[in-house]
Protein backbone atom coordinates (compact mmCIF):
# COMPACT_ATOMS: atom_id res chain seq x y z
CA MET A 1 15.56 -27.76 2.23
CA ASP A 2 17.93 -30.28 0.65
CA GLY A 3 21.23 -29.39 -1.00
CA SER A 4 19.89 -29.65 -4.55
CA LEU A 5 17.22 -27.06 -3.84
CA LEU A 6 19.81 -24.74 -2.29
CA ASN A 7 21.87 -25.11 -5.46
CA LYS A 8 18.82 -24.07 -7.49
CA HIS A 9 18.35 -21.04 -5.25
CA LEU A 10 21.98 -20.02 -5.56
CA SER A 11 22.08 -20.66 -9.30
CA VAL A 12 19.53 -17.89 -9.80
CA THR A 13 22.41 -15.45 -9.44
CA ALA A 14 25.32 -17.78 -10.18
CA GLY A 15 25.67 -16.81 -13.82
CA TYR A 16 26.04 -13.18 -12.89
CA VAL A 17 28.56 -13.21 -10.08
CA ARG A 18 32.19 -12.58 -10.80
CA ARG A 19 33.51 -15.79 -9.24
CA HIS A 20 31.65 -17.85 -11.84
CA LEU A 21 32.65 -15.52 -14.65
CA TYR A 22 36.27 -15.85 -13.47
CA ILE A 23 36.06 -19.66 -13.49
CA MET A 24 34.69 -19.53 -17.04
CA GLY A 25 37.57 -17.26 -18.08
CA LEU A 26 35.27 -14.31 -18.87
CA THR A 27 36.87 -11.92 -16.37
CA ASN A 28 40.15 -11.71 -14.49
CA ASN A 29 38.60 -9.99 -11.46
CA ARG A 30 36.68 -11.83 -8.72
CA THR A 31 36.19 -8.78 -6.47
CA CYS A 32 32.62 -7.81 -5.59
CA ARG A 33 31.33 -5.01 -7.81
CA LYS A 34 29.36 -3.54 -4.90
CA CYS A 35 31.76 -3.52 -1.94
CA SER A 36 35.10 -4.00 -3.74
CA THR A 37 36.49 -5.89 -0.73
CA GLU A 38 35.44 -9.56 -0.96
CA GLU A 39 35.19 -12.23 -3.63
CA GLU A 40 31.85 -11.87 -5.41
CA THR A 41 30.04 -15.18 -4.83
CA SER A 42 26.36 -16.00 -4.58
CA VAL A 43 26.64 -16.41 -0.81
CA HIS A 44 28.49 -13.10 -0.50
CA ILE A 45 25.83 -11.23 -2.51
CA LEU A 46 22.85 -12.93 -0.86
CA GLY A 47 24.10 -12.87 2.70
CA GLU A 48 27.26 -10.93 3.43
CA CYS A 49 27.99 -7.91 1.21
CA LYS A 50 27.94 -4.80 3.39
CA ALA A 51 27.15 -2.58 0.41
CA LEU A 52 23.86 -4.47 -0.06
CA ASP A 53 22.74 -4.68 3.57
CA SER A 54 19.88 -2.17 3.26
CA LEU A 55 18.59 -3.70 0.04
CA ARG A 56 18.93 -7.17 1.58
CA HIS A 57 16.90 -6.02 4.58
CA ILE A 58 14.13 -4.67 2.32
CA HIS A 59 13.92 -7.73 0.05
CA LEU A 60 15.08 -10.58 2.29
CA GLY A 61 14.10 -9.35 5.74
CA SER A 62 17.56 -9.18 7.30
CA PHE A 63 20.72 -7.13 6.93
CA PHE A 64 22.88 -10.27 6.85
CA LEU A 65 22.00 -13.92 6.20
CA ASP A 66 23.88 -17.13 6.85
CA PRO A 67 23.62 -20.09 4.44
CA GLU A 68 20.88 -21.65 6.57
CA ASP A 69 18.77 -18.48 6.21
CA ILE A 70 19.42 -18.43 2.46
CA ARG A 71 18.14 -22.01 2.15
CA LYS A 72 14.74 -20.87 3.44
CA LEU A 73 14.23 -18.18 0.76
CA SER A 74 12.00 -18.73 -2.23
CA ILE A 75 13.44 -18.42 -5.71
CA GLY A 76 11.09 -15.48 -6.39
CA VAL A 77 12.37 -13.54 -3.38
CA ILE A 78 15.97 -14.18 -4.40
CA TRP A 79 15.23 -13.14 -7.98
CA ASN A 80 13.64 -9.85 -6.87
CA PHE A 81 16.62 -9.10 -4.65
CA ALA A 82 19.04 -9.97 -7.45
CA LYS A 83 17.25 -7.59 -9.83
CA GLY A 84 17.39 -4.86 -7.20
CA THR A 85 21.16 -5.18 -6.84
CA GLY A 86 21.74 -4.02 -10.42
CA LEU A 87 24.07 -6.98 -10.98
CA LEU A 88 21.78 -8.76 -13.43
């Protein structure tokens, strides 16, 4: 998958993660709403957040994903996971 398609995948949740809201000046807090330990980015939510590992395993097939794994996911799968997180 090329970089532009990865960007489309990640942008499914981009408008809802705190890092992007922080950049837009809509919040002063970039900390993940689920784990409260890391910066809330698309990659963190989709692949790294420990508070979402069980949900990630159910929806995405693995407890943790690296960016290469994320590139292989369909937009529909990412969208269903994102809805399940309660962050949308």
